[in-house]
Amino acid sequence: MKRLLIAAAAALIAAPALAATPVTLKADPTDSDGMITLGDLFDGAGAAGKVPVAAKPGASAVLDAAAVQGAARRAGLEWANAEGFRRIVVRGAPTAGPAAGSARANVEVLTYARSLPAGEIVQPQDLVWAKVAAAPSDAPGDADAVIGLAARRPLRAGAAVSARDVSAPQVIKAGEMITVTYDNDGISLALQAKAMAGAALGDSFAVQNTASKKVIQAVASGPGQALVGPAADQLKALPRTQYALR
């Protein structure tokens, strides 16, 4: 009997795990009841489609793709995310047009899901699509335009997002001792310098060589780090959304 039990246990261990069901992300995920499920997100979710993923308090929601992938995996689904999505926007399901005599639909824009103090980094969960009476002239059409940037002033929950609300977060403070690096054709040199001004990623700012006291221009490349030479020019030429802190 004992041998039979051991053999059965060995067979269970050796048996391959059940394969996850492959699913495809919908081209335009929508939700109509305020609770986003796997079925709202994926084609082919089957019975797992009823599994809730997140609440949608506004007209739309921005979900972290990695978190969604994990939720799908726990429910027995496999989403490869071959496109490399970082975020998924889920909009409200379209509804019938307004009844006669009712007000026209308001504008759908990004709004803040919570109040943010000045200097705080905007995260995906801090944004939600919602209806407002009027959109700011510089309202971003994509959450990626503000995610990873810092609030320039206190921002109120429910307010429409404006591009002037945020800026690249400062990684260097005025008076800070930093490392300035020159890299080109296999030649790498580094020196210690004093930052003469604060700077965000990609900003040009003045630094003073602590040895020679000479002041030069450098480009902020990270906390306490700056570049000069061709690498600095390449970093400065990048769009801010490619190197903002995420």
Foldseek 3Di string as FASTA:
>chain_A
DVVVVVVVVVVVVPDDDDAFAEWDFDPAQEDAPQWQFCLSTTDPLPPRRVHTQGGAPAQKAKAAPVSVQVVSVVSRYHYPPPVPDGIHMYGHDDDDADDPPDDHFADKAKFAQAKDAFFDAAARRRIHIHGDNDAPPQGDPDPLLRHLWTARHIGHGPDGDHSVRTDFHWQAAAQDWAKEWEDDPHDIDIAIWGWRHIDGALDWGWTAGPVPRDIDIWGDHGRRYTYDDPVSVVRNPDDCSVRRGD
